[in-house]
Amino acid sequence: MDRDEVGVAKKKSSSRAWLKEHHDDIYVQQAQKEGYRSRAVYKLMEINQRDQIMRPGMFVLDLGSAPGGWSQVAGQLVGARGRVIASDILPMDQLEDVTFIQGDFTEEATYDQIVTALAGNPLDAVLSDLAPNMSGLPEVDQPRAMYLVELATELAIGTLSSGGSFVTKVFQGEGFEAWHREIRSHFQRVVTRKPSASRPRSREVYIVATGFKAR
């Protein structure tokens, strides 16, 4: 077997292992049973239970929303009097009472659509479960991940109402400490969460920033 064949065999083995782990995952099974679009909903549920990010009547932006699990939870929490705007580069099947905008939020056209959808209402919470396509090389993946975090942070600072909240996925590594110091200057309370549904081997954590200090 030559080197290319070995590489293909390793990828197939890795894919089979991932599929088995995914199929056996209790959160995957629970999400399917309860009608949620992804296992990630249980991360947001736990965060909201602990930190009270969302409540009825709020305006919420969900970045990196596809396939829509977090938007489902946000919609349930803000209720009919609230509003959820979701955005992702990938397509997302429509959800009732959720406005979906497909596109790159860092591009002016997509950003303008988000602002238009807000109709002059400041955001009460910005959620970001954004992550780059992982190469498996930390020296490549970490800068990409931090770049997305920084862009989401910039958007949150520019659109949140006074006292608003920001929840974002972060991978700890190069650039994290400097960003963490910066975000603490904009919010009254900043805590780190590792929800039970977050796989133990993953470097991901969630930063929950509350009490936005509006200029």
N, C-alpha and C. Protein backbone atom coordinates (compact mmCIF):
# COMPACT_ATOMS: atom_id res chain seq x y z
N MET A 1 0.86 -1.20 0.00
CA MET A 1 0.00 0.00 0.00
C MET A 1 0.89 1.24 0.00
N ASP A 2 0.69 2.16 -0.98
CA ASP A 2 1.53 3.34 -1.04
C ASP A 2 1.02 4.42 -0.07
N ARG A 3 1.74 5.54 -0.03
CA ARG A 3 1.44 6.58 0.94
C ARG A 3 0.04 7.15 0.76
N ASP A 4 -0.38 7.38 -0.50
CA ASP A 4 -1.71 7.92 -0.76
C ASP A 4 -2.80 6.96 -0.28
N GLU A 5 -2.58 5.66 -0.51
CA GLU A 5 -3.57 4.66 -0.10
C GLU A 5 -3.66 4.60 1.43
N VAL A 6 -2.50 4.75 2.10
CA VAL A 6 -2.50 4.77 3.56
C VAL A 6 -3.30 5.96 4.06
N GLY A 7 -3.11 7.12 3.42
CA GLY A 7 -3.83 8.33 3.82
C GLY A 7 -5.33 8.17 3.66
N VAL A 8 -5.75 7.58 2.55
CA VAL A 8 -7.18 7.36 2.30
C VAL A 8 -7.75 6.40 3.34
N ALA A 9 -7.01 5.35 3.65
CA ALA A 9 -7.47 4.36 4.63
C ALA A 9 -7.64 4.99 6.00
N LYS A 10 -6.69 5.86 6.39
CA LYS A 10 -6.78 6.54 7.68
C LYS A 10 -8.00 7.45 7.73
N LYS A 11 -8.28 8.16 6.63
CA LYS A 11 -9.43 9.05 6.59
C LYS A 11 -10.74 8.26 6.72
N LYS A 12 -10.80 7.11 6.02
CA LYS A 12 -12.00 6.27 6.10
C LYS A 12 -12.20 5.75 7.51
N SER A 13 -11.11 5.33 8.15
CA SER A 13 -11.20 4.82 9.51
C SER A 13 -11.65 5.92 10.47
N SER A 14 -11.10 7.12 10.30
CA SER A 14 -11.46 8.25 11.13
C SER A 14 -12.92 8.62 10.95
N SER A 15 -13.40 8.57 9.70
CA SER A 15 -14.79 8.90 9.39
C SER A 15 -15.74 7.90 10.05
N ARG A 16 -15.37 6.62 9.98
CA ARG A 16 -16.21 5.58 10.59
C ARG A 16 -16.28 5.78 12.11
N ALA A 17 -15.13 6.11 12.71
CA ALA A 17 -15.09 6.33 14.16
C ALA A 17 -15.95 7.52 14.55
N TRP A 18 -15.89 8.61 13.74
CA TRP A 18 -16.69 9.80 14.02
C TRP A 18 -18.17 9.49 13.90
N LEU A 19 -18.56 8.75 12.87
CA LEU A 19 -19.96 8.40 12.66
C LEU A 19 -20.50 7.56 13.81
N LYS A 20 -19.67 6.61 14.29
CA LYS A 20 -20.11 5.78 15.41
C LYS A 20 -20.27 6.63 16.67
N GLU A 21 -19.29 7.50 16.93
CA GLU A 21 -19.37 8.37 18.10
C GLU A 21 -20.60 9.27 18.02
N HIS A 22 -20.85 9.82 16.82
CA HIS A 22 -21.99 10.70 16.63
C HIS A 22 -23.30 9.96 16.86
N HIS A 23 -23.39 8.75 16.33
CA HIS A 23 -24.61 7.95 16.46
C HIS A 23 -24.87 7.57 17.93
N ASP A 24 -23.80 7.30 18.67
CA ASP A 24 -23.92 6.87 20.07
C ASP A 24 -24.05 8.04 21.05
N ASP A 25 -23.86 9.27 20.57
CA ASP A 25 -23.86 10.45 21.43
C ASP A 25 -25.24 10.67 22.05
N ILE A 26 -25.29 10.79 23.38
CA ILE A 26 -26.59 10.94 24.05
C ILE A 26 -27.24 12.27 23.69
N TYR A 27 -26.44 13.30 23.41
CA TYR A 27 -27.02 14.60 23.07
C TYR A 27 -27.58 14.58 21.65
N VAL A 28 -26.93 13.84 20.76
CA VAL A 28 -27.47 13.67 19.41
C VAL A 28 -28.81 12.95 19.48
N GLN A 29 -28.86 11.88 20.27
CA GLN A 29 -30.09 11.11 20.42
C GLN A 29 -31.20 11.96 21.05
N GLN A 30 -30.83 12.75 22.04
CA GLN A 30 -31.82 13.59 22.72
C GLN A 30 -32.35 14.68 21.79
N ALA A 31 -31.45 15.28 20.99
CA ALA A 31 -31.88 16.31 20.04
C ALA A 31 -32.85 15.75 19.01
N GLN A 32 -32.55 14.55 18.52
CA GLN A 32 -33.45 13.92 17.55
C GLN A 32 -34.80 13.63 18.17
N LYS A 33 -34.79 13.16 19.40
CA LYS A 33 -36.03 12.81 20.10
C LYS A 33 -36.88 14.05 20.37
N GLU A 34 -36.23 15.17 20.71
CA GLU A 34 -36.96 16.37 21.09
C GLU A 34 -37.18 17.34 19.93
N GLY A 35 -36.72 16.97 18.73
CA GLY A 35 -37.00 17.77 17.55
C GLY A 35 -36.10 18.97 17.35
N TYR A 36 -34.89 18.91 17.90
CA TYR A 36 -33.94 20.00 17.70
C TYR A 36 -33.00 19.67 16.54
N ARG A 37 -32.46 20.71 15.93
CA ARG A 37 -31.65 20.54 14.73
C ARG A 37 -30.21 20.14 15.00
N SER A 38 -29.74 20.30 16.21
CA SER A 38 -28.36 19.91 16.51
C SER A 38 -28.20 19.69 18.00
N ARG A 39 -27.15 18.92 18.35
CA ARG A 39 -26.81 18.67 19.75
C ARG A 39 -26.36 19.94 20.46
N ALA A 40 -25.95 20.94 19.67
CA ALA A 40 -25.43 22.18 20.24
C ALA A 40 -26.47 22.94 21.04
N VAL A 41 -27.76 22.62 20.85
CA VAL A 41 -28.80 23.33 21.59
C VAL A 41 -28.60 23.19 23.09
N TYR A 42 -28.07 22.05 23.53
CA TYR A 42 -27.94 21.81 24.96
C TYR A 42 -26.82 22.63 25.58
N LYS A 43 -25.88 23.07 24.74
CA LYS A 43 -24.85 23.99 25.22
C LYS A 43 -25.49 25.34 25.55
N LEU A 44 -26.30 25.84 24.63
CA LEU A 44 -26.94 27.14 24.84
C LEU A 44 -27.95 27.08 25.98
N MET A 45 -28.69 25.99 26.07
CA MET A 45 -29.66 25.84 27.15
C MET A 45 -28.99 25.92 28.51
N GLU A 46 -27.85 25.22 28.65
CA GLU A 46 -27.13 25.22 29.92
C GLU A 46 -26.58 26.61 30.24
N ILE A 47 -26.02 27.27 29.22
CA ILE A 47 -25.50 28.62 29.42
C ILE A 47 -26.61 29.56 29.85
N ASN A 48 -27.75 29.50 29.17
CA ASN A 48 -28.85 30.40 29.51
C ASN A 48 -29.41 30.12 30.89
N GLN A 49 -29.44 28.85 31.27
CA GLN A 49 -29.93 28.49 32.59
C GLN A 49 -29.04 29.08 33.68
N ARG A 50 -27.74 29.09 33.42
CA ARG A 50 -26.79 29.58 34.42
C ARG A 50 -26.67 31.10 34.42
N ASP A 51 -26.76 31.71 33.22
CA ASP A 51 -26.44 33.13 33.11
C ASP A 51 -27.60 34.02 32.70
N GLN A 52 -28.78 33.43 32.43
CA GLN A 52 -29.98 34.22 32.14
C GLN A 52 -29.75 35.24 31.02
N ILE A 53 -29.27 34.75 29.88
CA ILE A 53 -28.96 35.62 28.74
C ILE A 53 -30.21 36.13 28.06
N MET A 54 -31.21 35.23 27.89
CA MET A 54 -32.40 35.57 27.12
C MET A 54 -33.67 35.40 27.93
N ARG A 55 -34.64 36.28 27.62
CA ARG A 55 -35.95 36.19 28.24
C ARG A 55 -36.98 36.76 27.25
N PRO A 56 -38.26 36.60 27.52
CA PRO A 56 -39.30 37.04 26.56
C PRO A 56 -39.17 38.51 26.18
N GLY A 57 -39.39 38.76 24.88
CA GLY A 57 -39.40 40.12 24.36
C GLY A 57 -38.07 40.64 23.88
N MET A 58 -37.01 39.86 23.99
CA MET A 58 -35.68 40.32 23.59
C MET A 58 -35.45 40.23 22.08
N PHE A 59 -34.50 41.05 21.60
CA PHE A 59 -34.03 40.99 20.22
C PHE A 59 -32.65 40.33 20.23
N VAL A 60 -32.53 39.25 19.46
CA VAL A 60 -31.32 38.41 19.51
C VAL A 60 -30.77 38.18 18.11
N LEU A 61 -29.45 38.23 17.98
CA LEU A 61 -28.77 37.89 16.73
C LEU A 61 -27.97 36.62 16.94
N ASP A 62 -28.16 35.65 16.04
CA ASP A 62 -27.46 34.36 16.11
C ASP A 62 -26.52 34.25 14.90
N LEU A 63 -25.22 34.37 15.15
CA LEU A 63 -24.22 34.29 14.08
C LEU A 63 -23.72 32.86 13.93
N GLY A 64 -23.53 32.43 12.69
CA GLY A 64 -23.12 31.05 12.45
C GLY A 64 -24.25 30.10 12.81
N SER A 65 -25.45 30.45 12.38
CA SER A 65 -26.67 29.82 12.89
C SER A 65 -26.98 28.44 12.33
N ALA A 66 -26.55 28.15 11.10
CA ALA A 66 -26.90 26.86 10.48
C ALA A 66 -26.36 25.69 11.31
N PRO A 67 -27.13 24.63 11.49
CA PRO A 67 -28.44 24.32 10.88
C PRO A 67 -29.65 24.93 11.59
N GLY A 68 -29.44 25.67 12.68
CA GLY A 68 -30.55 26.37 13.29
C GLY A 68 -30.89 25.99 14.71
N GLY A 69 -30.07 25.17 15.34
CA GLY A 69 -30.36 24.73 16.70
C GLY A 69 -30.43 25.87 17.71
N TRP A 70 -29.41 26.74 17.68
CA TRP A 70 -29.40 27.86 18.63
C TRP A 70 -30.56 28.81 18.35
N SER A 71 -30.90 28.99 17.08
CA SER A 71 -32.03 29.86 16.74
C SER A 71 -33.34 29.29 17.27
N GLN A 72 -33.47 27.96 17.23
CA GLN A 72 -34.65 27.32 17.80
C GLN A 72 -34.79 27.66 19.28
N VAL A 73 -33.71 27.49 20.02
CA VAL A 73 -33.73 27.76 21.46
C VAL A 73 -34.00 29.23 21.73
N ALA A 74 -33.31 30.11 21.00
CA ALA A 74 -33.49 31.54 21.19
C ALA A 74 -34.94 31.95 20.92
N GLY A 75 -35.52 31.39 19.85
CA GLY A 75 -36.91 31.70 19.51
C GLY A 75 -37.87 31.30 20.62
N GLN A 76 -37.62 30.14 21.22
CA GLN A 76 -38.47 29.68 22.32
C GLN A 76 -38.34 30.60 23.53
N LEU A 77 -37.13 31.08 23.78
CA LEU A 77 -36.88 31.88 24.97
C LEU A 77 -37.40 33.31 24.85
N VAL A 78 -37.31 33.91 23.67
CA VAL A 78 -37.76 35.31 23.52
C VAL A 78 -39.26 35.39 23.23
N GLY A 79 -39.83 34.31 22.71
CA GLY A 79 -41.27 34.26 22.51
C GLY A 79 -41.77 35.16 21.39
N ALA A 80 -43.08 35.26 21.31
CA ALA A 80 -43.72 36.00 20.21
C ALA A 80 -43.42 37.49 20.26
N ARG A 81 -43.17 38.04 21.44
CA ARG A 81 -42.88 39.47 21.55
C ARG A 81 -41.42 39.80 21.22
N GLY A 82 -40.58 38.78 21.14
CA GLY A 82 -39.18 38.98 20.82
C GLY A 82 -38.91 38.79 19.33
N ARG A 83 -37.63 38.83 18.99
CA ARG A 83 -37.24 38.68 17.58
C ARG A 83 -35.87 38.02 17.52
N VAL A 84 -35.75 37.03 16.64
CA VAL A 84 -34.46 36.37 16.42
C VAL A 84 -34.05 36.57 14.97
N ILE A 85 -32.86 37.09 14.78
CA ILE A 85 -32.28 37.22 13.45
C ILE A 85 -31.09 36.28 13.39
N ALA A 86 -31.09 35.41 12.40
CA ALA A 86 -30.04 34.40 12.26
C ALA A 86 -29.27 34.66 10.96
N SER A 87 -27.97 34.39 11.00
CA SER A 87 -27.16 34.60 9.80
C SER A 87 -26.06 33.56 9.69
N ASP A 88 -25.85 33.09 8.48
CA ASP A 88 -24.79 32.12 8.22
C ASP A 88 -24.44 32.15 6.74
N ILE A 89 -23.20 31.77 6.44
CA ILE A 89 -22.81 31.63 5.03
C ILE A 89 -23.55 30.46 4.40
N LEU A 90 -23.79 29.42 5.19
CA LEU A 90 -24.49 28.23 4.71
C LEU A 90 -26.00 28.45 4.72
N PRO A 91 -26.73 27.73 3.88
CA PRO A 91 -28.19 27.84 3.91
C PRO A 91 -28.76 27.23 5.19
N MET A 92 -29.94 27.69 5.57
CA MET A 92 -30.61 27.17 6.76
C MET A 92 -32.10 27.09 6.48
N ASP A 93 -32.72 25.95 6.77
CA ASP A 93 -34.16 25.82 6.59
C ASP A 93 -34.87 26.80 7.50
N GLN A 94 -35.96 27.36 6.98
CA GLN A 94 -36.68 28.40 7.70
C GLN A 94 -37.25 27.90 9.03
N LEU A 95 -37.23 28.79 10.00
CA LEU A 95 -37.85 28.54 11.30
C LEU A 95 -38.91 29.60 11.54
N GLU A 96 -39.99 29.19 12.17
CA GLU A 96 -41.05 30.14 12.47
C GLU A 96 -40.53 31.22 13.41
N ASP A 97 -40.86 32.48 13.10
CA ASP A 97 -40.49 33.64 13.92
C ASP A 97 -38.98 33.89 13.97
N VAL A 98 -38.25 33.35 13.00
CA VAL A 98 -36.81 33.62 12.89
C VAL A 98 -36.53 34.19 11.51
N THR A 99 -35.88 35.34 11.45
CA THR A 99 -35.49 35.95 10.18
C THR A 99 -34.09 35.47 9.83
N PHE A 100 -33.98 34.72 8.72
CA PHE A 100 -32.67 34.19 8.34
C PHE A 100 -32.09 35.01 7.20
N ILE A 101 -30.81 35.39 7.35
CA ILE A 101 -30.09 36.13 6.33
C ILE A 101 -28.86 35.33 5.95
N GLN A 102 -28.84 34.84 4.72
CA GLN A 102 -27.69 34.05 4.28
C GLN A 102 -26.62 34.97 3.71
N GLY A 103 -25.41 34.80 4.21
CA GLY A 103 -24.30 35.61 3.72
C GLY A 103 -23.23 35.75 4.79
N ASP A 104 -22.15 36.40 4.43
CA ASP A 104 -21.02 36.64 5.32
C ASP A 104 -21.28 37.95 6.07
N PHE A 105 -21.47 37.89 7.38
CA PHE A 105 -21.84 39.09 8.14
C PHE A 105 -20.75 40.15 8.13
N THR A 106 -19.51 39.74 7.74
CA THR A 106 -18.43 40.71 7.68
C THR A 106 -18.48 41.54 6.39
N GLU A 107 -19.33 41.13 5.46
CA GLU A 107 -19.49 41.89 4.22
C GLU A 107 -20.60 42.92 4.38
N GLU A 108 -20.43 44.06 3.75
CA GLU A 108 -21.33 45.18 3.95
C GLU A 108 -22.78 44.85 3.59
N ALA A 109 -22.98 44.12 2.50
CA ALA A 109 -24.33 43.80 2.07
C ALA A 109 -25.09 42.98 3.10
N THR A 110 -24.42 41.97 3.68
CA THR A 110 -25.05 41.13 4.70
C THR A 110 -25.27 41.92 5.98
N TYR A 111 -24.29 42.70 6.37
CA TYR A 111 -24.42 43.51 7.58
C TYR A 111 -25.60 44.47 7.45
N ASP A 112 -25.75 45.07 6.28
CA ASP A 112 -26.86 46.01 6.06
C ASP A 112 -28.21 45.30 6.16
N GLN A 113 -28.27 44.05 5.69
CA GLN A 113 -29.51 43.27 5.81
C GLN A 113 -29.86 43.01 7.27
N ILE A 114 -28.83 42.74 8.08
CA ILE A 114 -29.06 42.51 9.50
C ILE A 114 -29.59 43.78 10.16
N VAL A 115 -28.97 44.91 9.85
CA VAL A 115 -29.40 46.19 10.41
C VAL A 115 -30.83 46.51 9.99
N THR A 116 -31.15 46.24 8.71
CA THR A 116 -32.51 46.48 8.21
C THR A 116 -33.52 45.61 8.95
N ALA A 117 -33.16 44.35 9.19
CA ALA A 117 -34.05 43.42 9.89
C ALA A 117 -34.31 43.88 11.33
N LEU A 118 -33.35 44.57 11.93
CA LEU A 118 -33.53 45.06 13.29
C LEU A 118 -34.54 46.21 13.36
N ALA A 119 -34.73 46.89 12.25
CA ALA A 119 -35.72 47.98 12.16
C ALA A 119 -35.53 49.02 13.27
N GLY A 120 -34.28 49.36 13.54
CA GLY A 120 -34.00 50.40 14.52
C GLY A 120 -33.94 49.93 15.96
N ASN A 121 -34.19 48.64 16.21
CA ASN A 121 -34.16 48.11 17.57
C ASN A 121 -32.74 47.64 17.92
N PRO A 122 -32.19 48.09 19.04
CA PRO A 122 -30.87 47.60 19.45
C PRO A 122 -30.98 46.15 19.90
N LEU A 123 -29.90 45.42 19.78
CA LEU A 123 -29.89 44.02 20.18
C LEU A 123 -29.71 43.85 21.68
N ASP A 124 -30.42 42.88 22.23
CA ASP A 124 -30.27 42.54 23.64
C ASP A 124 -29.22 41.46 23.84
N ALA A 125 -28.99 40.65 22.80
CA ALA A 125 -28.00 39.58 22.91
C ALA A 125 -27.46 39.21 21.54
N VAL A 126 -26.18 38.95 21.49
CA VAL A 126 -25.53 38.43 20.28
C VAL A 126 -24.94 37.08 20.64
N LEU A 127 -25.29 36.07 19.85
CA LEU A 127 -24.80 34.70 20.05
C LEU A 127 -23.90 34.34 18.88
N SER A 128 -22.79 33.71 19.15
CA SER A 128 -21.89 33.28 18.08
C SER A 128 -21.33 31.90 18.36
N ASP A 129 -21.71 30.96 17.51
CA ASP A 129 -21.14 29.61 17.59
C ASP A 129 -20.25 29.38 16.36
N LEU A 130 -19.68 30.47 15.88
CA LEU A 130 -18.84 30.43 14.68
C LEU A 130 -17.56 29.63 14.91
N ALA A 131 -17.16 28.91 13.88
CA ALA A 131 -15.88 28.20 13.90
C ALA A 131 -15.42 28.04 12.46
N PRO A 132 -14.12 28.15 12.22
CA PRO A 132 -13.62 27.95 10.86
C PRO A 132 -13.60 26.47 10.49
N ASN A 133 -13.43 26.18 9.22
CA ASN A 133 -13.20 24.80 8.81
C ASN A 133 -11.83 24.39 9.34
N MET A 134 -11.81 23.37 10.18
CA MET A 134 -10.58 22.99 10.85
C MET A 134 -9.68 22.14 9.97
N SER A 135 -8.40 22.49 9.95
CA SER A 135 -7.41 21.74 9.17
C SER A 135 -6.72 20.68 10.03
N GLY A 136 -6.84 20.85 11.36
CA GLY A 136 -6.12 19.95 12.27
C GLY A 136 -4.75 20.49 12.65
N LEU A 137 -4.38 21.64 12.08
CA LEU A 137 -3.10 22.26 12.39
C LEU A 137 -3.34 23.47 13.28
N PRO A 138 -2.98 23.41 14.55
CA PRO A 138 -3.25 24.50 15.49
C PRO A 138 -2.72 25.85 15.02
N GLU A 139 -1.55 25.83 14.39
CA GLU A 139 -0.95 27.10 13.96
C GLU A 139 -1.75 27.76 12.84
N VAL A 140 -2.60 26.98 12.17
CA VAL A 140 -3.49 27.50 11.13
C VAL A 140 -4.87 27.78 11.69
N ASP A 141 -5.40 26.83 12.46
CA ASP A 141 -6.78 26.92 12.94
C ASP A 141 -6.99 28.01 13.98
N GLN A 142 -6.03 28.17 14.90
CA GLN A 142 -6.20 29.14 15.99
C GLN A 142 -6.34 30.58 15.47
N PRO A 143 -5.47 31.05 14.58
CA PRO A 143 -5.64 32.41 14.06
C PRO A 143 -6.97 32.59 13.33
N ARG A 144 -7.40 31.58 12.58
CA ARG A 144 -8.68 31.66 11.88
C ARG A 144 -9.83 31.78 12.88
N ALA A 145 -9.78 30.97 13.94
CA ALA A 145 -10.84 30.99 14.94
C ALA A 145 -10.88 32.34 15.66
N MET A 146 -9.74 32.87 16.04
CA MET A 146 -9.69 34.14 16.74
C MET A 146 -10.14 35.29 15.85
N TYR A 147 -9.86 35.19 14.57
CA TYR A 147 -10.31 36.22 13.63
C TYR A 147 -11.83 36.29 13.62
N LEU A 148 -12.50 35.14 13.59
CA LEU A 148 -13.96 35.12 13.62
C LEU A 148 -14.50 35.66 14.94
N VAL A 149 -13.85 35.30 16.04
CA VAL A 149 -14.26 35.79 17.35
C VAL A 149 -14.15 37.32 17.40
N GLU A 150 -13.05 37.84 16.89
CA GLU A 150 -12.84 39.29 16.91
C GLU A 150 -13.87 40.01 16.06
N LEU A 151 -14.24 39.43 14.91
CA LEU A 151 -15.24 40.05 14.05
C LEU A 151 -16.61 40.04 14.72
N ALA A 152 -16.95 38.91 15.35
CA ALA A 152 -18.23 38.81 16.06
C ALA A 152 -18.27 39.79 17.22
N THR A 153 -17.14 39.95 17.91
CA THR A 153 -17.06 40.89 19.03
C THR A 153 -17.28 42.32 18.55
N GLU A 154 -16.66 42.66 17.44
CA GLU A 154 -16.81 44.00 16.87
C GLU A 154 -18.28 44.28 16.53
N LEU A 155 -18.94 43.29 15.94
CA LEU A 155 -20.36 43.47 15.62
C LEU A 155 -21.19 43.63 16.88
N ALA A 156 -20.91 42.81 17.91
CA ALA A 156 -21.66 42.88 19.16
C ALA A 156 -21.51 44.26 19.80
N ILE A 157 -20.29 44.76 19.86
CA ILE A 157 -20.03 46.06 20.48
C ILE A 157 -20.75 47.17 19.72
N GLY A 158 -20.89 46.99 18.41
CA GLY A 158 -21.53 48.02 17.58
C GLY A 158 -23.04 47.98 17.57
N THR A 159 -23.65 46.89 18.06
CA THR A 159 -25.10 46.75 17.93
C THR A 159 -25.84 46.48 19.24
N LEU A 160 -25.14 46.13 20.30
CA LEU A 160 -25.81 45.80 21.56
C LEU A 160 -26.34 47.04 22.28
N SER A 161 -27.46 46.84 22.94
CA SER A 161 -27.99 47.89 23.80
C SER A 161 -27.25 47.86 25.13
N SER A 162 -27.38 48.93 25.91
CA SER A 162 -26.75 48.99 27.21
C SER A 162 -27.26 47.84 28.09
N GLY A 163 -26.33 47.11 28.71
CA GLY A 163 -26.71 45.97 29.53
C GLY A 163 -26.85 44.68 28.76
N GLY A 164 -26.62 44.72 27.45
CA GLY A 164 -26.78 43.54 26.61
C GLY A 164 -25.72 42.47 26.86
N SER A 165 -25.93 41.31 26.21
CA SER A 165 -25.06 40.15 26.44
C SER A 165 -24.46 39.62 25.14
N PHE A 166 -23.31 39.00 25.29
CA PHE A 166 -22.60 38.42 24.15
C PHE A 166 -22.08 37.04 24.56
N VAL A 167 -22.45 36.03 23.78
CA VAL A 167 -21.99 34.66 24.03
C VAL A 167 -21.24 34.20 22.79
N THR A 168 -20.00 33.78 22.96
CA THR A 168 -19.23 33.35 21.79
C THR A 168 -18.37 32.13 22.10
N LYS A 169 -18.27 31.27 21.10
CA LYS A 169 -17.36 30.13 21.20
C LYS A 169 -15.94 30.61 20.95
N VAL A 170 -15.01 30.12 21.76
CA VAL A 170 -13.60 30.49 21.62
C VAL A 170 -12.75 29.24 21.81
N PHE A 171 -11.66 29.17 21.05
CA PHE A 171 -10.69 28.10 21.24
C PHE A 171 -9.48 28.71 21.94
N GLN A 172 -9.18 28.19 23.10
CA GLN A 172 -8.09 28.75 23.88
C GLN A 172 -6.74 28.48 23.21
N GLY A 173 -5.94 29.50 23.13
CA GLY A 173 -4.65 29.39 22.46
C GLY A 173 -4.13 30.78 22.16
N GLU A 174 -3.26 30.89 21.19
CA GLU A 174 -2.65 32.17 20.84
C GLU A 174 -3.71 33.21 20.50
N GLY A 175 -3.60 34.38 21.08
CA GLY A 175 -4.53 35.47 20.82
C GLY A 175 -5.68 35.54 21.79
N PHE A 176 -5.93 34.46 22.53
CA PHE A 176 -7.09 34.41 23.42
C PHE A 176 -6.95 35.40 24.57
N GLU A 177 -5.80 35.44 25.25
CA GLU A 177 -5.64 36.27 26.43
C GLU A 177 -5.79 37.76 26.10
N ALA A 178 -5.20 38.19 25.00
CA ALA A 178 -5.31 39.60 24.61
C ALA A 178 -6.76 39.96 24.31
N TRP A 179 -7.45 39.09 23.58
CA TRP A 179 -8.87 39.33 23.29
C TRP A 179 -9.69 39.34 24.58
N HIS A 180 -9.40 38.43 25.48
CA HIS A 180 -10.16 38.32 26.73
C HIS A 180 -10.00 39.60 27.57
N ARG A 181 -8.81 40.16 27.60
CA ARG A 181 -8.60 41.42 28.32
C ARG A 181 -9.42 42.54 27.69
N GLU A 182 -9.47 42.54 26.37
CA GLU A 182 -10.21 43.58 25.65
C GLU A 182 -11.71 43.49 25.93
N ILE A 183 -12.26 42.30 25.90
CA ILE A 183 -13.71 42.16 26.07
C ILE A 183 -14.13 42.51 27.50
N ARG A 184 -13.24 42.27 28.47
CA ARG A 184 -13.56 42.62 29.85
C ARG A 184 -13.76 44.13 30.03
N SER A 185 -13.16 44.90 29.14
CA SER A 185 -13.30 46.35 29.25
C SER A 185 -14.66 46.84 28.75
N HIS A 186 -15.37 45.98 28.02
CA HIS A 186 -16.65 46.39 27.44
C HIS A 186 -17.87 45.84 28.19
N PHE A 187 -17.65 44.87 29.08
CA PHE A 187 -18.77 44.24 29.78
C PHE A 187 -18.50 44.21 31.28
N GLN A 188 -19.57 44.27 32.05
CA GLN A 188 -19.44 44.27 33.50
C GLN A 188 -19.03 42.91 34.05
N ARG A 189 -19.44 41.84 33.37
CA ARG A 189 -19.16 40.49 33.87
C ARG A 189 -18.79 39.59 32.70
N VAL A 190 -17.69 38.90 32.83
CA VAL A 190 -17.23 37.98 31.78
C VAL A 190 -16.83 36.67 32.45
N VAL A 191 -17.51 35.58 32.05
CA VAL A 191 -17.21 34.27 32.62
C VAL A 191 -16.97 33.26 31.51
N THR A 192 -16.27 32.19 31.86
CA THR A 192 -15.98 31.11 30.92
C THR A 192 -16.83 29.91 31.28
N ARG A 193 -17.48 29.32 30.25
CA ARG A 193 -18.31 28.14 30.46
C ARG A 193 -17.85 26.99 29.56
N LYS A 194 -17.90 25.80 30.11
CA LYS A 194 -17.65 24.58 29.35
C LYS A 194 -18.88 23.70 29.56
N PRO A 195 -19.91 23.87 28.71
CA PRO A 195 -21.16 23.13 28.92
C PRO A 195 -20.96 21.62 28.87
N SER A 196 -21.84 20.89 29.51
CA SER A 196 -21.74 19.43 29.56
C SER A 196 -21.78 18.83 28.16
N ALA A 197 -22.51 19.47 27.24
CA ALA A 197 -22.63 18.94 25.88
C ALA A 197 -21.40 19.22 25.02
N SER A 198 -20.47 20.01 25.53
CA SER A 198 -19.21 20.26 24.81
C SER A 198 -18.30 19.07 25.03
N ARG A 199 -17.83 18.48 23.95
CA ARG A 199 -17.02 17.26 24.08
C ARG A 199 -15.74 17.55 24.86
N PRO A 200 -15.41 16.70 25.82
CA PRO A 200 -14.25 16.94 26.69
C PRO A 200 -12.94 17.17 25.94
N ARG A 201 -12.76 16.47 24.83
CA ARG A 201 -11.48 16.60 24.11
C ARG A 201 -11.38 17.91 23.33
N SER A 202 -12.52 18.59 23.14
CA SER A 202 -12.51 19.84 22.37
C SER A 202 -11.90 20.97 23.18
N ARG A 203 -11.13 21.82 22.51
CA ARG A 203 -10.54 22.99 23.17
C ARG A 203 -11.55 24.14 23.30
N GLU A 204 -12.75 23.94 22.77
CA GLU A 204 -13.72 25.03 22.79
C GLU A 204 -14.22 25.33 24.20
N VAL A 205 -14.40 26.61 24.46
CA VAL A 205 -15.11 27.08 25.64
C VAL A 205 -16.03 28.20 25.16
N TYR A 206 -16.94 28.58 26.02
CA TYR A 206 -17.84 29.68 25.68
C TYR A 206 -17.63 30.83 26.66
N ILE A 207 -17.41 32.00 26.09
CA ILE A 207 -17.28 33.19 26.90
C ILE A 207 -18.65 33.86 26.96
N VAL A 208 -19.11 34.10 28.17
CA VAL A 208 -20.41 34.73 28.39
C VAL A 208 -20.15 36.10 29.00
N ALA A 209 -20.42 37.14 28.21
CA ALA A 209 -20.18 38.51 28.64
C ALA A 209 -21.54 39.20 28.82
N THR A 210 -21.78 39.74 30.01
CA THR A 210 -23.06 40.37 30.29
C THR A 210 -22.83 41.80 30.84
N GLY A 211 -23.89 42.61 30.73
CA GLY A 211 -23.79 43.99 31.21
C GLY A 211 -22.96 44.86 30.30
N PHE A 212 -23.34 44.91 29.02
CA PHE A 212 -22.56 45.70 28.06
C PHE A 212 -22.53 47.18 28.46
N LYS A 213 -21.33 47.74 28.42
CA LYS A 213 -21.14 49.15 28.78
C LYS A 213 -21.24 50.00 27.50
N ALA A 214 -22.46 50.38 27.16
CA ALA A 214 -22.66 51.16 25.94
C ALA A 214 -22.01 52.53 26.08
N ARG A 215 -21.45 53.00 24.98
CA ARG A 215 -20.81 54.31 24.99
C ARG A 215 -21.86 55.41 25.14
